[in-house]
Amino acid sequence: MLRKNWLLKIRHPFVTAAEILLPTIVMLLLIAIRTRVDTRIHPAQPYIREDMFVEVGKGISPNFQLVLESLLAEEEFLAFAPDTEETRIDPLPVDEVSFN
């Protein structure tokens, strides 16, 4: 078996060279990229930052009354459907949907 493998390697020198060189080149590329990347360990930072929260009513968004007035001025409408029994759509029974 060793003789057979040795003969295959000798008869296909480009494949043999590729089997040796390609993994070597890939590893060298990975090493080169790793040395160029910043490996400094950054300290943990809290998600909550200063000035992240605002008091109720003191946000930067306009209140709902101003939104409604601007919609009225631009002749646009805001529509919604309340979640009640009259607005819910019941799924069809399985008998009516089945094709059997």
PDB file of N, CA and C in Angstrom:
ATOM      1  N   MET A   1       0.823  -1.188   0.000  1.00  0.00           N
ATOM      2  CA  MET A   1       0.000   0.000   0.000  1.00  0.00           C
ATOM      3  C   MET A   1       0.872   1.258   0.000  1.00  0.00           C
ATOM      4  N   LEU A   2       1.952   1.227   0.759  1.00  0.00           N
ATOM      5  CA  LEU A   2       2.851   2.379   0.771  1.00  0.00           C
ATOM      6  C   LEU A   2       3.480   2.601  -0.598  1.00  0.00           C
ATOM      7  N   ARG A   3       3.822   1.491  -1.259  1.00  0.00           N
ATOM      8  CA  ARG A   3       4.437   1.600  -2.590  1.00  0.00           C
ATOM      9  C   ARG A   3       3.446   2.224  -3.574  1.00  0.00           C
ATOM     10  N   LYS A   4       2.188   1.819  -3.491  1.00  0.00           N
ATOM     11  CA  LYS A   4       1.160   2.363  -4.380  1.00  0.00           C
ATOM     12  C   LYS A   4       0.991   3.867  -4.153  1.00  0.00           C
ATOM     13  N   ASN A   5       0.892   4.292  -2.912  1.00  0.00           N
ATOM     14  CA  ASN A   5       0.760   5.721  -2.599  1.00  0.00           C
ATOM     15  C   ASN A   5       1.989   6.498  -3.052  1.00  0.00           C
ATOM     16  N   TRP A   6       3.167   5.911  -2.867  1.00  0.00           N
ATOM     17  CA  TRP A   6       4.402   6.580  -3.299  1.00  0.00           C
ATOM     18  C   TRP A   6       4.425   6.756  -4.815  1.00  0.00           C
ATOM     19  N   LEU A   7       3.981   5.744  -5.542  1.00  0.00           N
ATOM     20  CA  LEU A   7       3.923   5.849  -7.003  1.00  0.00           C
ATOM     21  C   LEU A   7       2.928   6.925  -7.449  1.00  0.00           C
ATOM     22  N   LEU A   8       1.789   7.012  -6.768  1.00  0.00           N
ATOM     23  CA  LEU A   8       0.800   8.047  -7.103  1.00  0.00           C
ATOM     24  C   LEU A   8       1.364   9.445  -6.863  1.00  0.00           C
ATOM     25  N   LYS A   9       2.094   9.607  -5.781  1.00  0.00           N
ATOM     26  CA  LYS A   9       2.688  10.913  -5.478  1.00  0.00           C
ATOM     27  C   LYS A   9       3.739  11.289  -6.520  1.00  0.00           C
ATOM     28  N   ILE A  10       4.519  10.309  -6.961  1.00  0.00           N
ATOM     29  CA  ILE A  10       5.560  10.578  -7.961  1.00  0.00           C
ATOM     30  C   ILE A  10       4.937  10.880  -9.326  1.00  0.00           C
ATOM     31  N   ARG A  11       3.860  10.183  -9.666  1.00  0.00           N
ATOM     32  CA  ARG A  11       3.242  10.361 -10.983  1.00  0.00           C
ATOM     33  C   ARG A  11       2.437  11.660 -11.097  1.00  0.00           C
ATOM     34  N   HIS A  12       2.048  12.245  -9.965  1.00  0.00           N
ATOM     35  CA  HIS A  12       1.266  13.490  -9.969  1.00  0.00           C
ATOM     36  C   HIS A  12       1.977  14.547  -9.121  1.00  0.00           C
ATOM     37  N   PRO A  13       3.046  15.118  -9.639  1.00  0.00           N
ATOM     38  CA  PRO A  13       3.828  16.056  -8.824  1.00  0.00           C
ATOM     39  C   PRO A  13       3.078  17.355  -8.512  1.00  0.00           C
ATOM     40  N   PHE A  14       2.208  17.824  -9.414  1.00  0.00           N
ATOM     41  CA  PHE A  14       1.483  19.071  -9.153  1.00  0.00           C
ATOM     42  C   PHE A  14       0.450  18.890  -8.037  1.00  0.00           C
ATOM     43  N   VAL A  15      -0.218  17.753  -8.037  1.00  0.00           N
ATOM     44  CA  VAL A  15      -1.185  17.469  -6.971  1.00  0.00           C
ATOM     45  C   VAL A  15      -0.462  17.336  -5.639  1.00  0.00           C
ATOM     46  N   THR A  16       0.668  16.663  -5.647  1.00  0.00           N
ATOM     47  CA  THR A  16       1.458  16.512  -4.423  1.00  0.00           C
ATOM     48  C   THR A  16       1.921  17.869  -3.905  1.00  0.00           C
ATOM     49  N   ALA A  17       2.390  18.716  -4.820  1.00  0.00           N
ATOM     50  CA  ALA A  17       2.835  20.054  -4.414  1.00  0.00           C
ATOM     51  C   ALA A  17       1.666  20.869  -3.871  1.00  0.00           C
ATOM     52  N   ALA A  18       0.495  20.739  -4.504  1.00  0.00           N
ATOM     53  CA  ALA A  18      -0.682  21.473  -4.028  1.00  0.00           C
ATOM     54  C   ALA A  18      -1.102  20.993  -2.643  1.00  0.00           C
ATOM     55  N   GLU A  19      -1.013  19.681  -2.399  1.00  0.00           N
ATOM     56  CA  GLU A  19      -1.376  19.145  -1.086  1.00  0.00           C
ATOM     57  C   GLU A  19      -0.468  19.676   0.013  1.00  0.00           C
ATOM     58  N   ILE A  20       0.742  20.013  -0.326  1.00  0.00           N
ATOM     59  CA  ILE A  20       1.690  20.526   0.668  1.00  0.00           C
ATOM     60  C   ILE A  20       1.616  22.048   0.756  1.00  0.00           C
ATOM     61  N   LEU A  21       1.564  22.712  -0.399  1.00  0.00           N
ATOM     62  CA  LEU A  21       1.666  24.172  -0.419  1.00  0.00           C
ATOM     63  C   LEU A  21       0.370  24.888  -0.017  1.00  0.00           C
ATOM     64  N   LEU A  22      -0.783  24.401  -0.452  1.00  0.00           N
ATOM     65  CA  LEU A  22      -2.028  25.105  -0.143  1.00  0.00           C
ATOM     66  C   LEU A  22      -2.292  25.234   1.363  1.00  0.00           C
ATOM     67  N   PRO A  23      -2.208  24.170   2.154  1.00  0.00           N
ATOM     68  CA  PRO A  23      -2.394  24.357   3.597  1.00  0.00           C
ATOM     69  C   PRO A  23      -1.343  25.282   4.216  1.00  0.00           C
ATOM     70  N   THR A  24      -0.112  25.196   3.707  1.00  0.00           N
ATOM     71  CA  THR A  24       0.951  26.065   4.224  1.00  0.00           C
ATOM     72  C   THR A  24       0.646  27.524   3.921  1.00  0.00           C
ATOM     73  N   ILE A  25       0.210  27.811   2.704  1.00  0.00           N
ATOM     74  CA  ILE A  25      -0.112  29.194   2.323  1.00  0.00           C
ATOM     75  C   ILE A  25      -1.291  29.720   3.130  1.00  0.00           C
ATOM     76  N   VAL A  26      -2.309  28.897   3.320  1.00  0.00           N
ATOM     77  CA  VAL A  26      -3.475  29.324   4.103  1.00  0.00           C
ATOM     78  C   VAL A  26      -3.070  29.632   5.539  1.00  0.00           C
ATOM     79  N   MET A  27      -2.252  28.791   6.134  1.00  0.00           N
ATOM     80  CA  MET A  27      -1.805  29.038   7.507  1.00  0.00           C
ATOM     81  C   MET A  27      -0.973  30.310   7.598  1.00  0.00           C
ATOM     82  N   LEU A  28      -0.102  30.548   6.614  1.00  0.00           N
ATOM     83  CA  LEU A  28       0.693  31.780   6.616  1.00  0.00           C
ATOM     84  C   LEU A  28      -0.191  33.015   6.474  1.00  0.00           C
ATOM     85  N   LEU A  29      -1.226  32.916   5.639  1.00  0.00           N
ATOM     86  CA  LEU A  29      -2.167  34.037   5.514  1.00  0.00           C
ATOM     87  C   LEU A  29      -2.897  34.299   6.828  1.00  0.00           C
ATOM     88  N   LEU A  30      -3.335  33.237   7.487  1.00  0.00           N
ATOM     89  CA  LEU A  30      -4.014  33.407   8.773  1.00  0.00           C
ATOM     90  C   LEU A  30      -3.089  34.028   9.816  1.00  0.00           C
ATOM     91  N   ILE A  31      -1.843  33.605   9.832  1.00  0.00           N
ATOM     92  CA  ILE A  31      -0.874  34.182  10.772  1.00  0.00           C
ATOM     93  C   ILE A  31      -0.637  35.648  10.451  1.00  0.00           C
ATOM     94  N   ALA A  32      -0.529  35.984   9.163  1.00  0.00           N
ATOM     95  CA  ALA A  32      -0.310  37.379   8.767  1.00  0.00           C
ATOM     96  C   ALA A  32      -1.496  38.254   9.148  1.00  0.00           C
ATOM     97  N   ILE A  33      -2.700  37.756   8.939  1.00  0.00           N
ATOM     98  CA  ILE A  33      -3.893  38.532   9.308  1.00  0.00           C
ATOM     99  C   ILE A  33      -3.968  38.692  10.813  1.00  0.00           C
ATOM    100  N   ARG A  34      -3.658  37.641  11.546  1.00  0.00           N
ATOM    101  CA  ARG A  34      -3.726  37.691  13.011  1.00  0.00           C
ATOM    102  C   ARG A  34      -2.746  38.710  13.588  1.00  0.00           C
ATOM    103  N   THR A  35      -1.574  38.843  12.979  1.00  0.00           N
ATOM    104  CA  THR A  35      -0.600  39.800  13.502  1.00  0.00           C
ATOM    105  C   THR A  35      -0.995  41.241  13.186  1.00  0.00           C
ATOM    106  N   ARG A  36      -1.829  41.451  12.170  1.00  0.00           N
ATOM    107  CA  ARG A  36      -2.226  42.811  11.803  1.00  0.00           C
ATOM    108  C   ARG A  36      -3.469  43.287  12.541  1.00  0.00           C
ATOM    109  N   VAL A  37      -4.187  42.381  13.186  1.00  0.00           N
ATOM    110  CA  VAL A  37      -5.426  42.718  13.879  1.00  0.00           C
ATOM    111  C   VAL A  37      -5.102  43.211  15.283  1.00  0.00           C
ATOM    112  N   ASP A  38      -5.910  44.159  15.750  1.00  0.00           N
ATOM    113  CA  ASP A  38      -5.749  44.686  17.103  1.00  0.00           C
ATOM    114  C   ASP A  38      -6.137  43.605  18.110  1.00  0.00           C
ATOM    115  N   THR A  39      -5.197  43.194  18.940  1.00  0.00           N
ATOM    116  CA  THR A  39      -5.469  42.147  19.925  1.00  0.00           C
ATOM    117  C   THR A  39      -5.589  42.708  21.338  1.00  0.00           C
ATOM    118  N   ARG A  40      -5.737  44.020  21.445  1.00  0.00           N
ATOM    119  CA  ARG A  40      -5.859  44.633  22.766  1.00  0.00           C
ATOM    120  C   ARG A  40      -7.189  44.231  23.394  1.00  0.00           C
ATOM    121  N   ILE A  41      -7.169  43.859  24.645  1.00  0.00           N
ATOM    122  CA  ILE A  41      -8.387  43.481  25.353  1.00  0.00           C
ATOM    123  C   ILE A  41      -9.051  44.751  25.861  1.00  0.00           C
ATOM    124  N   HIS A  42     -10.285  44.956  25.426  1.00  0.00           N
ATOM    125  CA  HIS A  42     -11.020  46.150  25.828  1.00  0.00           C
ATOM    126  C   HIS A  42     -11.772  45.873  27.123  1.00  0.00           C
ATOM    127  N   PRO A  43     -11.832  46.851  28.033  1.00  0.00           N
ATOM    128  CA  PRO A  43     -12.560  46.635  29.285  1.00  0.00           C
ATOM    129  C   PRO A  43     -14.065  46.552  29.031  1.00  0.00           C
ATOM    130  N   ALA A  44     -14.743  45.851  29.907  1.00  0.00           N
ATOM    131  CA  ALA A  44     -16.194  45.727  29.788  1.00  0.00           C
ATOM    132  C   ALA A  44     -16.839  47.082  30.035  1.00  0.00           C
ATOM    133  N   GLN A  45     -17.828  47.408  29.215  1.00  0.00           N
ATOM    134  CA  GLN A  45     -18.531  48.674  29.358  1.00  0.00           C
ATOM    135  C   GLN A  45     -20.000  48.393  29.631  1.00  0.00           C
ATOM    136  N   PRO A  46     -20.592  49.138  30.538  1.00  0.00           N
ATOM    137  CA  PRO A  46     -22.016  48.922  30.802  1.00  0.00           C
ATOM    138  C   PRO A  46     -22.848  49.399  29.617  1.00  0.00           C
ATOM    139  N   TYR A  47     -23.982  48.753  29.414  1.00  0.00           N
ATOM    140  CA  TYR A  47     -24.845  49.144  28.307  1.00  0.00           C
ATOM    141  C   TYR A  47     -25.520  50.482  28.592  1.00  0.00           C
ATOM    142  N   ILE A  48     -25.873  50.711  29.847  1.00  0.00           N
ATOM    143  CA  ILE A  48     -26.549  51.957  30.209  1.00  0.00           C
ATOM    144  C   ILE A  48     -25.501  53.054  30.331  1.00  0.00           C
ATOM    145  N   ARG A  49     -25.698  54.095  29.553  1.00  0.00           N
ATOM    146  CA  ARG A  49     -24.762  55.216  29.562  1.00  0.00           C
ATOM    147  C   ARG A  49     -25.417  56.437  30.193  1.00  0.00           C
ATOM    148  N   GLU A  50     -24.601  57.433  30.459  1.00  0.00           N
ATOM    149  CA  GLU A  50     -25.094  58.680  31.017  1.00  0.00           C
ATOM    150  C   GLU A  50     -26.007  59.360  30.004  1.00  0.00           C
ATOM    151  N   ASP A  51     -27.059  60.002  30.477  1.00  0.00           N
ATOM    152  CA  ASP A  51     -28.056  60.703  29.658  1.00  0.00           C
ATOM    153  C   ASP A  51     -28.820  59.762  28.732  1.00  0.00           C
ATOM    154  N   MET A  52     -28.908  58.497  29.109  1.00  0.00           N
ATOM    155  CA  MET A  52     -29.656  57.572  28.268  1.00  0.00           C
ATOM    156  C   MET A  52     -31.151  57.673  28.554  1.00  0.00           C
ATOM    157  N   PHE A  53     -31.506  57.917  29.792  1.00  0.00           N
ATOM    158  CA  PHE A  53     -32.910  58.001  30.167  1.00  0.00           C
ATOM    159  C   PHE A  53     -33.315  59.459  30.339  1.00  0.00           C
ATOM    160  N   VAL A  54     -34.554  59.741  30.020  1.00  0.00           N
ATOM    161  CA  VAL A  54     -35.091  61.090  30.212  1.00  0.00           C
ATOM    162  C   VAL A  54     -36.349  60.982  31.058  1.00  0.00           C
ATOM    163  N   GLU A  55     -36.724  62.088  31.672  1.00  0.00           N
ATOM    164  CA  GLU A  55     -37.932  62.091  32.477  1.00  0.00           C
ATOM    165  C   GLU A  55     -39.151  61.975  31.579  1.00  0.00           C
ATOM    166  N   VAL A  56     -40.222  61.446  32.145  1.00  0.00           N
ATOM    167  CA  VAL A  56     -41.458  61.306  31.379  1.00  0.00           C
ATOM    168  C   VAL A  56     -41.960  62.691  30.999  1.00  0.00           C
ATOM    169  N   GLY A  57     -42.292  62.879  29.739  1.00  0.00           N
ATOM    170  CA  GLY A  57     -42.783  64.168  29.258  1.00  0.00           C
ATOM    171  C   GLY A  57     -41.680  65.111  28.824  1.00  0.00           C
ATOM    172  N   LYS A  58     -40.426  64.754  29.042  1.00  0.00           N
ATOM    173  CA  LYS A  58     -39.326  65.633  28.672  1.00  0.00           C
ATOM    174  C   LYS A  58     -38.488  65.021  27.555  1.00  0.00           C
ATOM    175  N   GLY A  59     -39.070  64.099  26.790  1.00  0.00           N
ATOM    176  CA  GLY A  59     -38.341  63.463  25.705  1.00  0.00           C
ATOM    177  C   GLY A  59     -38.215  64.393  24.512  1.00  0.00           C
ATOM    178  N   ILE A  60     -37.493  63.949  23.516  1.00  0.00           N
ATOM    179  CA  ILE A  60     -37.294  64.772  22.329  1.00  0.00           C
ATOM    180  C   ILE A  60     -38.386  64.531  21.295  1.00  0.00           C
ATOM    181  N   SER A  61     -39.200  63.488  21.470  1.00  0.00           N
ATOM    182  CA  SER A  61     -40.292  63.229  20.540  1.00  0.00           C
ATOM    183  C   SER A  61     -41.463  64.152  20.856  1.00  0.00           C
ATOM    184  N   PRO A  62     -42.216  64.565  19.822  1.00  0.00           N
ATOM    185  CA  PRO A  62     -43.388  65.410  20.085  1.00  0.00           C
ATOM    186  C   PRO A  62     -44.477  64.590  20.765  1.00  0.00           C
ATOM    187  N   ASN A  63     -45.338  65.265  21.522  1.00  0.00           N
ATOM    188  CA  ASN A  63     -46.409  64.524  22.179  1.00  0.00           C
ATOM    189  C   ASN A  63     -47.477  64.144  21.154  1.00  0.00           C
ATOM    190  N   PHE A  64     -48.410  63.314  21.568  1.00  0.00           N
ATOM    191  CA  PHE A  64     -49.390  62.760  20.640  1.00  0.00           C
ATOM    192  C   PHE A  64     -50.300  63.835  20.067  1.00  0.00           C
ATOM    193  N   GLN A  65     -50.619  64.834  20.857  1.00  0.00           N
ATOM    194  CA  GLN A  65     -51.480  65.923  20.371  1.00  0.00           C
ATOM    195  C   GLN A  65     -50.806  66.662  19.213  1.00  0.00           C
ATOM    196  N   LEU A  66     -49.515  66.933  19.311  1.00  0.00           N
ATOM    197  CA  LEU A  66     -48.799  67.599  18.216  1.00  0.00           C
ATOM    198  C   LEU A  66     -48.739  66.720  16.968  1.00  0.00           C
ATOM    199  N   VAL A  67     -48.606  65.420  17.161  1.00  0.00           N
ATOM    200  CA  VAL A  67     -48.604  64.507  16.017  1.00  0.00           C
ATOM    201  C   VAL A  67     -49.947  64.555  15.310  1.00  0.00           C
ATOM    202  N   LEU A  68     -51.043  64.520  16.082  1.00  0.00           N
ATOM    203  CA  LEU A  68     -52.373  64.584  15.479  1.00  0.00           C
ATOM    204  C   LEU A  68     -52.595  65.903  14.756  1.00  0.00           C
ATOM    205  N   GLU A  69     -52.139  67.009  15.344  1.00  0.00           N
ATOM    206  CA  GLU A  69     -52.303  68.314  14.694  1.00  0.00           C
ATOM    207  C   GLU A  69     -51.510  68.389  13.393  1.00  0.00           C
ATOM    208  N   SER A  70     -50.304  67.834  13.371  1.00  0.00           N
ATOM    209  CA  SER A  70     -49.518  67.866  12.135  1.00  0.00           C
ATOM    210  C   SER A  70     -50.143  66.970  11.063  1.00  0.00           C
ATOM    211  N   LEU A  71     -50.723  65.840  11.472  1.00  0.00           N
ATOM    212  CA  LEU A  71     -51.422  64.996  10.503  1.00  0.00           C
ATOM    213  C   LEU A  71     -52.634  65.711   9.925  1.00  0.00           C
ATOM    214  N   LEU A  72     -53.375  66.428  10.773  1.00  0.00           N
ATOM    215  CA  LEU A  72     -54.546  67.172  10.311  1.00  0.00           C
ATOM    216  C   LEU A  72     -54.138  68.293   9.369  1.00  0.00           C
ATOM    217  N   ALA A  73     -53.046  68.976   9.660  1.00  0.00           N
ATOM    218  CA  ALA A  73     -52.579  70.068   8.809  1.00  0.00           C
ATOM    219  C   ALA A  73     -52.151  69.558   7.434  1.00  0.00           C
ATOM    220  N   GLU A  74     -51.611  68.350   7.366  1.00  0.00           N
ATOM    221  CA  GLU A  74     -51.175  67.785   6.086  1.00  0.00           C
ATOM    222  C   GLU A  74     -52.261  66.930   5.440  1.00  0.00           C
ATOM    223  N   GLU A  75     -53.469  66.971   6.016  1.00  0.00           N
ATOM    224  CA  GLU A  75     -54.624  66.209   5.531  1.00  0.00           C
ATOM    225  C   GLU A  75     -54.313  64.716   5.422  1.00  0.00           C
ATOM    226  N   GLU A  76     -53.642  64.203   6.429  1.00  0.00           N
ATOM    227  CA  GLU A  76     -53.362  62.777   6.527  1.00  0.00           C
ATOM    228  C   GLU A  76     -54.178  62.213   7.675  1.00  0.00           C
ATOM    229  N   PHE A  77     -54.353  60.895   7.688  1.00  0.00           N
ATOM    230  CA  PHE A  77     -55.195  60.275   8.688  1.00  0.00           C
ATOM    231  C   PHE A  77     -54.435  59.174   9.412  1.00  0.00           C
ATOM    232  N   LEU A  78     -54.786  58.988  10.664  1.00  0.00           N
ATOM    233  CA  LEU A  78     -54.231  57.913  11.474  1.00  0.00           C
ATOM    234  C   LEU A  78     -55.386  56.986  11.825  1.00  0.00           C
ATOM    235  N   ALA A  79     -55.320  55.747  11.375  1.00  0.00           N
ATOM    236  CA  ALA A  79     -56.401  54.795  11.612  1.00  0.00           C
ATOM    237  C   ALA A  79     -55.887  53.639  12.457  1.00  0.00           C
ATOM    238  N   PHE A  80     -56.749  53.118  13.293  1.00  0.00           N
ATOM    239  CA  PHE A  80     -56.401  51.953  14.094  1.00  0.00           C
ATOM    240  C   PHE A  80     -57.668  51.161  14.363  1.00  0.00           C
ATOM    241  N   ALA A  81     -57.512  49.905  14.708  1.00  0.00           N
ATOM    242  CA  ALA A  81     -58.637  49.041  15.060  1.00  0.00           C
ATOM    243  C   ALA A  81     -58.404  48.527  16.474  1.00  0.00           C
ATOM    244  N   PRO A  82     -59.342  48.764  17.360  1.00  0.00           N
ATOM    245  CA  PRO A  82     -59.168  48.279  18.730  1.00  0.00           C
ATOM    246  C   PRO A  82     -59.239  46.756  18.769  1.00  0.00           C
ATOM    247  N   ASP A  83     -58.630  46.192  19.767  1.00  0.00           N
ATOM    248  CA  ASP A  83     -58.611  44.738  19.921  1.00  0.00           C
ATOM    249  C   ASP A  83     -59.836  44.319  20.723  1.00  0.00           C
ATOM    250  N   THR A  84     -60.967  44.144  20.034  1.00  0.00           N
ATOM    251  CA  THR A  84     -62.215  43.734  20.678  1.00  0.00           C
ATOM    252  C   THR A  84     -62.763  42.509  19.961  1.00  0.00           C
ATOM    253  N   GLU A  85     -63.848  41.961  20.483  1.00  0.00           N
ATOM    254  CA  GLU A  85     -64.473  40.788  19.874  1.00  0.00           C
ATOM    255  C   GLU A  85     -64.964  41.098  18.461  1.00  0.00           C
ATOM    256  N   GLU A  86     -65.449  42.322  18.229  1.00  0.00           N
ATOM    257  CA  GLU A  86     -65.976  42.678  16.914  1.00  0.00           C
ATOM    258  C   GLU A  86     -64.876  42.772  15.855  1.00  0.00           C
ATOM    259  N   THR A  87     -63.659  43.118  16.248  1.00  0.00           N
ATOM    260  CA  THR A  87     -62.591  43.304  15.265  1.00  0.00           C
ATOM    261  C   THR A  87     -61.725  42.066  15.077  1.00  0.00           C
ATOM    262  N   ARG A  88     -61.872  41.082  15.943  1.00  0.00           N
ATOM    263  CA  ARG A  88     -61.070  39.867  15.798  1.00  0.00           C
ATOM    264  C   ARG A  88     -61.635  38.995  14.684  1.00  0.00           C
ATOM    265  N   ILE A  89     -60.744  38.421  13.909  1.00  0.00           N
ATOM    266  CA  ILE A  89     -61.152  37.494  12.857  1.00  0.00           C
ATOM    267  C   ILE A  89     -60.862  36.094  13.356  1.00  0.00           C
ATOM    268  N   ASP A  90     -61.932  35.318  13.522  1.00  0.00           N
ATOM    269  CA  ASP A  90     -61.750  33.944  13.979  1.00  0.00           C
ATOM    270  C   ASP A  90     -61.261  33.096  12.819  1.00  0.00           C
ATOM    271  N   PRO A  91     -60.318  32.208  13.071  1.00  0.00           N
ATOM    272  CA  PRO A  91     -59.862  31.325  11.994  1.00  0.00           C
ATOM    273  C   PRO A  91     -60.993  30.404  11.552  1.00  0.00           C
ATOM    274  N   LEU A  92     -60.991  30.048  10.278  1.00  0.00           N
ATOM    275  CA  LEU A  92     -62.024  29.160   9.751  1.00  0.00           C
ATOM    276  C   LEU A  92     -61.880  27.770  10.351  1.00  0.00           C
ATOM    277  N   PRO A  93     -63.011  27.094  10.550  1.00  0.00           N
ATOM    278  CA  PRO A  93     -62.908  25.710  11.029  1.00  0.00           C
ATOM    279  C   PRO A  93     -62.165  24.847  10.015  1.00  0.00           C
ATOM    280  N   VAL A  94     -61.531  23.811  10.486  1.00  0.00           N
ATOM    281  CA  VAL A  94     -60.717  22.954   9.634  1.00  0.00           C
ATOM    282  C   VAL A  94     -61.572  22.280   8.562  1.00  0.00           C
ATOM    283  N   ASP A  95     -62.865  21.974   8.866  1.00  0.00           N
ATOM    284  CA  ASP A  95     -63.723  21.295   7.879  1.00  0.00           C
ATOM    285  C   ASP A  95     -63.922  22.158   6.636  1.00  0.00           C
ATOM    286  N   GLU A  96     -64.070  23.471   6.817  1.00  0.00           N
ATOM    287  CA  GLU A  96     -64.328  24.347   5.684  1.00  0.00           C
ATOM    288  C   GLU A  96     -63.081  24.571   4.834  1.00  0.00           C
ATOM    289  N   VAL A  97     -61.910  24.415   5.418  1.00  0.00           N
ATOM    290  CA  VAL A  97     -60.668  24.693   4.708  1.00  0.00           C
ATOM    291  C   VAL A  97     -60.129  23.452   4.009  1.00  0.00           C
ATOM    292  N   SER A  98     -60.406  22.270   4.548  1.00  0.00           N
ATOM    293  CA  SER A  98     -59.796  21.055   4.006  1.00  0.00           C
ATOM    294  C   SER A  98     -60.342  20.746   2.614  1.00  0.00           C
ATOM    295  N   PHE A  99     -59.519  20.126   1.806  1.00  0.00           N
ATOM    296  CA  PHE A  99     -59.878  19.810   0.427  1.00  0.00           C
ATOM    297  C   PHE A  99     -60.377  18.380   0.268  1.00  0.00           C
ATOM    298  N   ASN A 100     -60.544  17.648   1.348  1.00  0.00           N
ATOM    299  CA  ASN A 100     -60.966  16.241   1.248  1.00  0.00           C
ATOM    300  C   ASN A 100     -62.438  16.139   0.988  1.00  0.00           C
TER     301      ASN A 100
END
